[in-house]
Amino acid sequence: MAEPYLELRAVTAYLGPRPVFENLSLQLFPDEHTVILGPNGSGKSSLIKLLCRSLYPVVQPGSWLRIFGSDTVNLWALRSRIGVVSEHLQAHYSGGVRGRDVVLSGFFGSVGLGRSQEPSAAQQQRVAELMAELHLADLAERPFRELSDGQRRRLLLARALVHDPEVLVLDEPTNGLDLKARHQLLAILRQLARRGTTLLLVTHQIEAIIPEISRCLLLRQGQLVADGPAAELLQAGPLSALFDTPLQVIEAHGYRQVLPAVDGAGSPD
């Protein structure tokens, strides 16, 4: 198997005075589309912060965090290999930023473009191609404030793709999207997965898990409680235990919906 793009060995990390992870170990591999699933507060977004180097583990013997095989990471180099789409990033963009500049800012790792940031002709061409591919060309001059959440999320997806990254990290990508916007975004993610971009999906929404996802990690209270094939873990038993509520799973065309589990009288099992 290829070298993991993320390797955690007995990692402990803190957010404030409390540990968000204690003795956490896992490996994530290229060409293995993976979902990290868990309830709110389980540590999903903190795991992304470890990968993106905005959260650092405690340094201790026998513990390490390696990204693409290295425990020392150049952030500029990392941005070219890992693209990130998140609601948190979306909230940092001011309403007046033009759609084109949202995407261009991916080349600089910035939120919008500063006066000293002058995109090259090649960078502008790359952005034009991406915006056309993702059906965003008509948003190039429109300010961020005028756009729907679905349009904003697709602009951030284009921003994450400017370097043609090896890994695309999606932190709750469908939060706040209506049905049409959600289905548009998921269709694009399926295309990317088929073209060879490794997807890491972080969510608590079962319906956001596209059929191409093959591996599932279940996270609860900072602990990895299960790791295995998505087809085995995205079932009523494991999900009911993860979310601490009785559930049933309905599957169609590779997608899943989760409903409350009820007995014949309509009361929870």
C-alpha atoms as a PDB file:
ATOM      1  CA  MET A   1       0.000   0.000   0.000  1.00  0.00           C
ATOM      2  CA  ALA A   2       1.154   3.555  -0.710  1.00  0.00           C
ATOM      3  CA  GLU A   3       2.678   5.697   2.004  1.00  0.00           C
ATOM      4  CA  PRO A   4      -0.029   7.359   4.132  1.00  0.00           C
ATOM      5  CA  TYR A   5      -0.640  11.044   3.601  1.00  0.00           C
ATOM      6  CA  LEU A   6      -1.535  11.300   7.292  1.00  0.00           C
ATOM      7  CA  GLU A   7      -0.142   9.124  10.055  1.00  0.00           C
ATOM      8  CA  LEU A   8      -0.955   9.651  13.723  1.00  0.00           C
ATOM      9  CA  ARG A   9       0.741   7.536  16.370  1.00  0.00           C
ATOM     10  CA  ALA A  10      -0.450   7.830  19.996  1.00  0.00           C
ATOM     11  CA  VAL A  11      -1.287  11.514  19.478  1.00  0.00           C
ATOM     12  CA  THR A  12      -2.567  13.739  22.268  1.00  0.00           C
ATOM     13  CA  ALA A  13      -3.718  17.274  21.434  1.00  0.00           C
ATOM     14  CA  TYR A  14      -5.371  20.051  23.400  1.00  0.00           C
ATOM     15  CA  LEU A  15      -7.877  22.753  22.556  1.00  0.00           C
ATOM     16  CA  GLY A  16      -7.659  25.073  25.525  1.00  0.00           C
ATOM     17  CA  PRO A  17      -7.263  23.293  28.867  1.00  0.00           C
ATOM     18  CA  ARG A  18      -8.933  20.046  27.759  1.00  0.00           C
ATOM     19  CA  PRO A  19      -7.552  17.272  25.544  1.00  0.00           C
ATOM     20  CA  VAL A  20      -9.455  16.839  22.295  1.00  0.00           C
ATOM     21  CA  PHE A  21      -7.488  13.656  21.519  1.00  0.00           C
ATOM     22  CA  GLU A  22      -5.641  11.245  23.784  1.00  0.00           C
ATOM     23  CA  ASN A  23      -3.493   8.434  22.400  1.00  0.00           C
ATOM     24  CA  LEU A  24      -5.109   8.622  18.930  1.00  0.00           C
ATOM     25  CA  SER A  25      -3.587   6.488  16.170  1.00  0.00           C
ATOM     26  CA  LEU A  26      -4.668   6.208  12.530  1.00  0.00           C
ATOM     27  CA  GLN A  27      -3.397   6.236   8.947  1.00  0.00           C
ATOM     28  CA  LEU A  28      -5.033   7.748   5.866  1.00  0.00           C
ATOM     29  CA  PHE A  29      -3.927   6.630   2.415  1.00  0.00           C
ATOM     30  CA  PRO A  30      -3.957   8.112  -1.101  1.00  0.00           C
ATOM     31  CA  ASP A  31      -6.594   6.748  -3.491  1.00  0.00           C
ATOM     32  CA  GLU A  32      -8.744   5.643  -0.547  1.00  0.00           C
ATOM     33  CA  HIS A  33     -11.816   7.869  -0.303  1.00  0.00           C
ATOM     34  CA  THR A  34     -12.614   8.126   3.395  1.00  0.00           C
ATOM     35  CA  VAL A  35     -15.339   9.575   5.580  1.00  0.00           C
ATOM     36  CA  ILE A  36     -14.793  10.582   9.196  1.00  0.00           C
ATOM     37  CA  LEU A  37     -18.198  10.434  10.797  1.00  0.00           C
ATOM     38  CA  GLY A  38     -19.284  11.476  14.255  1.00  0.00           C
ATOM     39  CA  PRO A  39     -21.674  13.625  16.278  1.00  0.00           C
ATOM     40  CA  ASN A  40     -21.000  17.283  16.944  1.00  0.00           C
ATOM     41  CA  GLY A  41     -18.121  17.694  19.371  1.00  0.00           C
ATOM     42  CA  SER A  42     -16.508  14.360  18.505  1.00  0.00           C
ATOM     43  CA  GLY A  43     -13.264  15.950  17.291  1.00  0.00           C
ATOM     44  CA  LYS A  44     -13.837  15.784  13.516  1.00  0.00           C
ATOM     45  CA  SER A  45     -12.846  19.378  12.786  1.00  0.00           C
ATOM     46  CA  SER A  46      -9.923  19.137  15.219  1.00  0.00           C
ATOM     47  CA  LEU A  47      -8.591  16.216  13.215  1.00  0.00           C
ATOM     48  CA  ILE A  48      -8.631  18.439  10.118  1.00  0.00           C
ATOM     49  CA  LYS A  49      -6.724  21.086  12.072  1.00  0.00           C
ATOM     50  CA  LEU A  50      -4.030  18.500  12.827  1.00  0.00           C
ATOM     51  CA  LEU A  51      -3.768  17.654   9.135  1.00  0.00           C
ATOM     52  CA  CYS A  52      -3.624  21.320   8.117  1.00  0.00           C
ATOM     53  CA  ARG A  53      -1.137  22.205  10.887  1.00  0.00           C
ATOM     54  CA  SER A  54      -3.360  24.686  12.703  1.00  0.00           C
ATOM     55  CA  LEU A  55      -3.399  22.362  15.735  1.00  0.00           C
ATOM     56  CA  TYR A  56      -0.259  20.702  17.071  1.00  0.00           C
ATOM     57  CA  PRO A  57       0.011  17.523  19.148  1.00  0.00           C
ATOM     58  CA  VAL A  58       1.834  17.226  22.425  1.00  0.00           C
ATOM     59  CA  VAL A  59       5.472  16.248  21.887  1.00  0.00           C
ATOM     60  CA  GLN A  60       6.149  13.017  23.752  1.00  0.00           C
ATOM     61  CA  PRO A  61       8.161   9.802  23.292  1.00  0.00           C
ATOM     62  CA  GLY A  62       6.594   7.218  20.988  1.00  0.00           C
ATOM     63  CA  SER A  63       4.145   9.742  19.523  1.00  0.00           C
ATOM     64  CA  TRP A  64       4.239  11.398  16.110  1.00  0.00           C
ATOM     65  CA  LEU A  65       2.243  13.107  13.400  1.00  0.00           C
ATOM     66  CA  ARG A  66       3.527  12.625   9.855  1.00  0.00           C
ATOM     67  CA  ILE A  67       2.132  14.189   6.690  1.00  0.00           C
ATOM     68  CA  PHE A  68       3.216  12.580   3.428  1.00  0.00           C
ATOM     69  CA  GLY A  69       5.820  10.682   5.412  1.00  0.00           C
ATOM     70  CA  SER A  70       7.434  13.706   7.062  1.00  0.00           C
ATOM     71  CA  ASP A  71       7.117  15.118  10.575  1.00  0.00           C
ATOM     72  CA  THR A  72       8.387  18.510   9.386  1.00  0.00           C
ATOM     73  CA  VAL A  73       6.054  20.245   6.947  1.00  0.00           C
ATOM     74  CA  ASN A  74       6.443  23.317   4.763  1.00  0.00           C
ATOM     75  CA  LEU A  75       3.011  24.959   4.863  1.00  0.00           C
ATOM     76  CA  TRP A  76       3.319  26.372   1.352  1.00  0.00           C
ATOM     77  CA  ALA A  77       4.194  22.960  -0.017  1.00  0.00           C
ATOM     78  CA  LEU A  78       1.349  21.408   1.975  1.00  0.00           C
ATOM     79  CA  ARG A  79      -1.213  23.811   0.454  1.00  0.00           C
ATOM     80  CA  SER A  80      -0.289  22.585  -3.014  1.00  0.00           C
ATOM     81  CA  ARG A  81      -0.905  18.956  -2.049  1.00  0.00           C
ATOM     82  CA  ILE A  82      -3.985  19.266   0.183  1.00  0.00           C
ATOM     83  CA  GLY A  83      -7.021  21.395  -0.654  1.00  0.00           C
ATOM     84  CA  VAL A  84      -9.575  22.270   2.028  1.00  0.00           C
ATOM     85  CA  VAL A  85     -13.237  23.287   1.825  1.00  0.00           C
ATOM     86  CA  SER A  86     -14.933  24.287   5.068  1.00  0.00           C
ATOM     87  CA  GLU A  87     -17.764  26.373   6.463  1.00  0.00           C
ATOM     88  CA  HIS A  88     -15.203  27.990   8.772  1.00  0.00           C
ATOM     89  CA  LEU A  89     -13.223  29.298   5.792  1.00  0.00           C
ATOM     90  CA  GLN A  90     -16.389  30.565   4.117  1.00  0.00           C
ATOM     91  CA  ALA A  91     -17.242  32.661   7.178  1.00  0.00           C
ATOM     92  CA  HIS A  92     -13.917  34.529   6.908  1.00  0.00           C
ATOM     93  CA  TYR A  93     -14.598  36.027   3.475  1.00  0.00           C
ATOM     94  CA  SER A  94     -15.942  39.572   3.470  1.00  0.00           C
ATOM     95  CA  GLY A  95     -19.098  40.249   1.505  1.00  0.00           C
ATOM     96  CA  GLY A  96     -17.417  42.487  -1.065  1.00  0.00           C
ATOM     97  CA  VAL A  97     -14.870  39.977  -2.384  1.00  0.00           C
ATOM     98  CA  ARG A  98     -15.512  39.109  -6.027  1.00  0.00           C
ATOM     99  CA  GLY A  99     -16.105  35.496  -6.980  1.00  0.00           C
ATOM    100  CA  ARG A 100     -12.969  35.362  -9.123  1.00  0.00           C
ATOM    101  CA  ASP A 101     -10.822  36.687  -6.274  1.00  0.00           C
ATOM    102  CA  VAL A 102     -12.160  34.023  -3.919  1.00  0.00           C
ATOM    103  CA  VAL A 103     -10.746  31.379  -6.245  1.00  0.00           C
ATOM    104  CA  LEU A 104      -7.511  33.276  -7.006  1.00  0.00           C
ATOM    105  CA  SER A 105      -6.783  33.606  -3.291  1.00  0.00           C
ATOM    106  CA  GLY A 106      -6.158  29.853  -3.206  1.00  0.00           C
ATOM    107  CA  PHE A 107      -2.797  30.470  -4.892  1.00  0.00           C
ATOM    108  CA  PHE A 108      -1.723  32.683  -1.994  1.00  0.00           C
ATOM    109  CA  GLY A 109      -3.308  30.841   0.933  1.00  0.00           C
ATOM    110  CA  SER A 110      -5.136  34.058   1.768  1.00  0.00           C
ATOM    111  CA  VAL A 111      -8.729  35.167   2.316  1.00  0.00           C
ATOM    112  CA  GLY A 112      -9.308  37.342  -0.733  1.00  0.00           C
ATOM    113  CA  LEU A 113      -6.527  39.197  -2.525  1.00  0.00           C
ATOM    114  CA  GLY A 114      -4.319  41.839  -0.944  1.00  0.00           C
ATOM    115  CA  ARG A 115      -2.832  44.781  -2.838  1.00  0.00           C
ATOM    116  CA  SER A 116       0.553  43.097  -3.086  1.00  0.00           C
ATOM    117  CA  GLN A 117      -0.878  39.860  -4.476  1.00  0.00           C
ATOM    118  CA  GLU A 118      -0.844  39.979  -8.271  1.00  0.00           C
ATOM    119  CA  PRO A 119      -1.920  36.733  -9.953  1.00  0.00           C
ATOM    120  CA  SER A 120       0.055  35.681 -12.993  1.00  0.00           C
ATOM    121  CA  ALA A 121      -1.512  35.125 -16.392  1.00  0.00           C
ATOM    122  CA  ALA A 122      -1.201  31.356 -15.872  1.00  0.00           C
ATOM    123  CA  GLN A 123      -2.964  31.580 -12.514  1.00  0.00           C
ATOM    124  CA  GLN A 124      -5.786  33.643 -13.999  1.00  0.00           C
ATOM    125  CA  GLN A 125      -6.148  31.128 -16.817  1.00  0.00           C
ATOM    126  CA  ARG A 126      -6.306  28.239 -14.343  1.00  0.00           C
ATOM    127  CA  VAL A 127      -9.040  30.024 -12.382  1.00  0.00           C
ATOM    128  CA  ALA A 128     -11.041  30.761 -15.532  1.00  0.00           C
ATOM    129  CA  GLU A 129     -10.897  27.077 -16.474  1.00  0.00           C
ATOM    130  CA  LEU A 130     -11.954  25.917 -13.018  1.00  0.00           C
ATOM    131  CA  MET A 131     -14.821  28.381 -12.820  1.00  0.00           C
ATOM    132  CA  ALA A 132     -16.066  27.264 -16.229  1.00  0.00           C
ATOM    133  CA  GLU A 133     -15.794  23.595 -15.234  1.00  0.00           C
ATOM    134  CA  LEU A 134     -17.762  24.152 -12.017  1.00  0.00           C
ATOM    135  CA  HIS A 135     -20.348  26.388 -13.750  1.00  0.00           C
ATOM    136  CA  LEU A 136     -19.183  29.486 -11.883  1.00  0.00           C
ATOM    137  CA  ALA A 137     -18.108  31.725 -14.767  1.00  0.00           C
ATOM    138  CA  ASP A 138     -21.089  34.048 -14.351  1.00  0.00           C
ATOM    139  CA  LEU A 139     -20.095  34.663 -10.718  1.00  0.00           C
ATOM    140  CA  ALA A 140     -16.630  36.048 -11.508  1.00  0.00           C
ATOM    141  CA  GLU A 141     -17.527  39.700 -10.853  1.00  0.00           C
ATOM    142  CA  ARG A 142     -20.279  39.203  -8.315  1.00  0.00           C
ATOM    143  CA  PRO A 143     -19.592  40.035  -4.653  1.00  0.00           C
ATOM    144  CA  PHE A 144     -19.631  37.198  -2.142  1.00  0.00           C
ATOM    145  CA  ARG A 145     -22.529  38.741  -0.219  1.00  0.00           C
ATOM    146  CA  GLU A 146     -24.885  38.362  -3.172  1.00  0.00           C
ATOM    147  CA  LEU A 147     -24.323  34.643  -3.605  1.00  0.00           C
ATOM    148  CA  SER A 148     -26.206  31.668  -2.237  1.00  0.00           C
ATOM    149  CA  ASP A 149     -24.500  29.262   0.155  1.00  0.00           C
ATOM    150  CA  GLY A 150     -24.313  26.716  -2.644  1.00  0.00           C
ATOM    151  CA  GLN A 151     -22.537  29.158  -4.944  1.00  0.00           C
ATOM    152  CA  ARG A 152     -20.148  30.176  -2.172  1.00  0.00           C
ATOM    153  CA  ARG A 153     -19.307  26.561  -1.393  1.00  0.00           C
ATOM    154  CA  ARG A 154     -18.566  25.812  -5.058  1.00  0.00           C
ATOM    155  CA  LEU A 155     -16.297  28.871  -5.222  1.00  0.00           C
ATOM    156  CA  LEU A 156     -14.422  27.546  -2.202  1.00  0.00           C
ATOM    157  CA  LEU A 157     -14.186  24.167  -3.901  1.00  0.00           C
ATOM    158  CA  ALA A 158     -12.659  25.846  -6.964  1.00  0.00           C
ATOM    159  CA  ARG A 159     -10.274  27.706  -4.615  1.00  0.00           C
ATOM    160  CA  ALA A 160      -9.201  24.371  -3.089  1.00  0.00           C
ATOM    161  CA  LEU A 161      -8.536  22.914  -6.549  1.00  0.00           C
ATOM    162  CA  VAL A 162      -6.264  25.631  -7.972  1.00  0.00           C
ATOM    163  CA  HIS A 163      -3.127  23.564  -7.287  1.00  0.00           C
ATOM    164  CA  ASP A 164      -4.757  20.300  -8.446  1.00  0.00           C
ATOM    165  CA  PRO A 165      -4.183  18.810  -4.978  1.00  0.00           C
ATOM    166  CA  GLU A 166      -3.625  15.137  -4.317  1.00  0.00           C
ATOM    167  CA  VAL A 167      -6.053  15.194  -1.373  1.00  0.00           C
ATOM    168  CA  LEU A 168      -9.249  17.211  -1.018  1.00  0.00           C
ATOM    169  CA  VAL A 169     -10.513  17.688   2.536  1.00  0.00           C
ATOM    170  CA  LEU A 170     -14.197  18.529   2.930  1.00  0.00           C
ATOM    171  CA  ASP A 171     -15.267  19.642   6.389  1.00  0.00           C
ATOM    172  CA  GLU A 172     -19.090  19.463   6.611  1.00  0.00           C
ATOM    173  CA  PRO A 173     -19.368  20.544   2.943  1.00  0.00           C
ATOM    174  CA  THR A 174     -23.171  20.319   2.702  1.00  0.00           C
ATOM    175  CA  ASN A 175     -24.033  22.217   5.885  1.00  0.00           C
ATOM    176  CA  GLY A 176     -26.578  24.949   5.168  1.00  0.00           C
ATOM    177  CA  LEU A 177     -27.180  23.926   1.548  1.00  0.00           C
ATOM    178  CA  ASP A 178     -30.625  23.410   0.077  1.00  0.00           C
ATOM    179  CA  LEU A 179     -31.440  20.224  -1.835  1.00  0.00           C
ATOM    180  CA  LYS A 180     -30.422  21.481  -5.275  1.00  0.00           C
ATOM    181  CA  ALA A 181     -27.138  22.975  -4.063  1.00  0.00           C
ATOM    182  CA  ARG A 182     -26.332  19.818  -2.087  1.00  0.00           C
ATOM    183  CA  HIS A 183     -26.933  17.543  -5.066  1.00  0.00           C
ATOM    184  CA  GLN A 184     -24.853  19.802  -7.343  1.00  0.00           C
ATOM    185  CA  LEU A 185     -21.948  19.720  -4.915  1.00  0.00           C
ATOM    186  CA  LEU A 186     -22.116  15.964  -4.387  1.00  0.00           C
ATOM    187  CA  ALA A 187     -22.178  15.381  -8.151  1.00  0.00           C
ATOM    188  CA  ILE A 188     -18.958  17.403  -8.505  1.00  0.00           C
ATOM    189  CA  LEU A 189     -17.318  15.441  -5.681  1.00  0.00           C
ATOM    190  CA  ARG A 190     -18.184  12.181  -7.403  1.00  0.00           C
ATOM    191  CA  GLN A 191     -16.504  13.397 -10.586  1.00  0.00           C
ATOM    192  CA  LEU A 192     -13.375  14.389  -8.661  1.00  0.00           C
ATOM    193  CA  ALA A 193     -13.237  11.002  -6.929  1.00  0.00           C
ATOM    194  CA  ARG A 194     -13.488   9.190 -10.252  1.00  0.00           C
ATOM    195  CA  ARG A 195     -10.725  11.354 -11.738  1.00  0.00           C
ATOM    196  CA  GLY A 196      -8.287  10.385  -9.000  1.00  0.00           C
ATOM    197  CA  THR A 197      -8.465  13.117  -6.369  1.00  0.00           C
ATOM    198  CA  THR A 198      -8.392  11.468  -2.939  1.00  0.00           C
ATOM    199  CA  LEU A 199     -11.351  12.655  -0.866  1.00  0.00           C
ATOM    200  CA  LEU A 200     -11.443  13.008   2.905  1.00  0.00           C
ATOM    201  CA  LEU A 201     -14.995  13.826   3.950  1.00  0.00           C
ATOM    202  CA  VAL A 202     -15.665  14.971   7.500  1.00  0.00           C
ATOM    203  CA  THR A 203     -19.324  15.093   8.431  1.00  0.00           C
ATOM    204  CA  HIS A 204     -22.152  14.141  10.745  1.00  0.00           C
ATOM    205  CA  GLN A 205     -24.599  13.935   7.812  1.00  0.00           C
ATOM    206  CA  ILE A 206     -25.024  10.425   6.412  1.00  0.00           C
ATOM    207  CA  GLU A 207     -26.705  11.722   3.253  1.00  0.00           C
ATOM    208  CA  ALA A 208     -23.523  13.669   2.362  1.00  0.00           C
ATOM    209  CA  ILE A 209     -21.528  10.445   1.916  1.00  0.00           C
ATOM    210  CA  ILE A 210     -21.136   9.749  -1.795  1.00  0.00           C
ATOM    211  CA  PRO A 211     -21.036   6.149  -3.104  1.00  0.00           C
ATOM    212  CA  GLU A 212     -17.318   6.412  -3.960  1.00  0.00           C
ATOM    213  CA  ILE A 213     -16.418   6.581  -0.249  1.00  0.00           C
ATOM    214  CA  SER A 214     -14.952   3.172   0.604  1.00  0.00           C
ATOM    215  CA  ARG A 215     -13.566   3.600   4.122  1.00  0.00           C
ATOM    216  CA  CYS A 216     -15.319   4.873   7.224  1.00  0.00           C
ATOM    217  CA  LEU A 217     -13.879   6.090  10.533  1.00  0.00           C
ATOM    218  CA  LEU A 218     -16.314   6.550  13.414  1.00  0.00           C
ATOM    219  CA  LEU A 219     -15.197   9.193  15.899  1.00  0.00           C
ATOM    220  CA  ARG A 220     -16.757   9.929  19.272  1.00  0.00           C
ATOM    221  CA  GLN A 221     -15.449  12.148  22.074  1.00  0.00           C
ATOM    222  CA  GLY A 222     -12.003  12.227  20.501  1.00  0.00           C
ATOM    223  CA  GLN A 223     -11.751   8.439  20.266  1.00  0.00           C
ATOM    224  CA  LEU A 224     -11.712   6.299  17.137  1.00  0.00           C
ATOM    225  CA  VAL A 225     -14.450   3.787  17.932  1.00  0.00           C
ATOM    226  CA  ALA A 226     -14.493   1.958  14.572  1.00  0.00           C
ATOM    227  CA  ASP A 227     -12.507   1.849  11.326  1.00  0.00           C
ATOM    228  CA  GLY A 228     -13.491  -0.285   8.379  1.00  0.00           C
ATOM    229  CA  PRO A 229     -15.325  -0.588   5.056  1.00  0.00           C
ATOM    230  CA  ALA A 230     -18.064   1.990   4.609  1.00  0.00           C
ATOM    231  CA  ALA A 231     -20.495  -0.722   3.525  1.00  0.00           C
ATOM    232  CA  GLU A 232     -20.132  -2.400   6.937  1.00  0.00           C
ATOM    233  CA  LEU A 233     -20.068   0.628   9.236  1.00  0.00           C
ATOM    234  CA  LEU A 234     -22.777   2.720   7.587  1.00  0.00           C
ATOM    235  CA  GLN A 235     -25.410   0.392   8.974  1.00  0.00           C
ATOM    236  CA  ALA A 236     -28.034   0.662  11.689  1.00  0.00           C
ATOM    237  CA  GLY A 237     -26.032  -1.024  14.463  1.00  0.00           C
ATOM    238  CA  PRO A 238     -22.773   0.957  14.276  1.00  0.00           C
ATOM    239  CA  LEU A 239     -24.567   4.254  13.610  1.00  0.00           C
ATOM    240  CA  SER A 240     -27.051   3.764  16.442  1.00  0.00           C
ATOM    241  CA  ALA A 241     -24.151   3.191  18.823  1.00  0.00           C
ATOM    242  CA  LEU A 242     -22.199   6.161  17.455  1.00  0.00           C
ATOM    243  CA  PHE A 243     -25.044   8.647  17.803  1.00  0.00           C
ATOM    244  CA  ASP A 244     -26.516   6.992  20.902  1.00  0.00           C
ATOM    245  CA  THR A 245     -29.982   6.731  19.416  1.00  0.00           C
ATOM    246  CA  PRO A 246     -31.846   3.896  17.635  1.00  0.00           C
ATOM    247  CA  LEU A 247     -31.615   4.325  13.864  1.00  0.00           C
ATOM    248  CA  GLN A 248     -32.486   2.564  10.650  1.00  0.00           C
ATOM    249  CA  VAL A 249     -30.621   3.004   7.363  1.00  0.00           C
ATOM    250  CA  ILE A 250     -32.245   3.158   3.935  1.00  0.00           C
ATOM    251  CA  GLU A 251     -29.977   2.775   0.891  1.00  0.00           C
ATOM    252  CA  ALA A 252     -30.617   3.618  -2.763  1.00  0.00           C
ATOM    253  CA  HIS A 253     -28.128   3.971  -5.637  1.00  0.00           C
ATOM    254  CA  GLY A 254     -25.196   3.983  -3.218  1.00  0.00           C
ATOM    255  CA  TYR A 255     -26.548   6.804  -1.047  1.00  0.00           C
ATOM    256  CA  ARG A 256     -27.940   6.351   2.441  1.00  0.00           C
ATOM    257  CA  GLN A 257     -30.619   8.049   4.521  1.00  0.00           C
ATOM    258  CA  VAL A 258     -30.988   7.599   8.262  1.00  0.00           C
ATOM    259  CA  LEU A 259     -34.375   7.466   9.974  1.00  0.00           C
ATOM    260  CA  PRO A 260     -35.434   6.857  13.581  1.00  0.00           C
ATOM    261  CA  ALA A 261     -35.852   3.180  14.326  1.00  0.00           C
ATOM    262  CA  VAL A 262     -39.408   2.438  15.387  1.00  0.00           C
ATOM    263  CA  ASP A 263     -41.318  -0.687  16.334  1.00  0.00           C
ATOM    264  CA  GLY A 264     -44.722  -1.625  14.974  1.00  0.00           C
ATOM    265  CA  ALA A 265     -46.476   0.761  17.367  1.00  0.00           C
ATOM    266  CA  GLY A 266     -44.415   3.708  16.245  1.00  0.00           C
ATOM    267  CA  SER A 267     -42.328   4.026  19.424  1.00  0.00           C
ATOM    268  CA  PRO A 268     -38.533   3.841  19.489  1.00  0.00           C
ATOM    269  CA  ASP A 269     -37.052   0.324  19.778  1.00  0.00           C
END
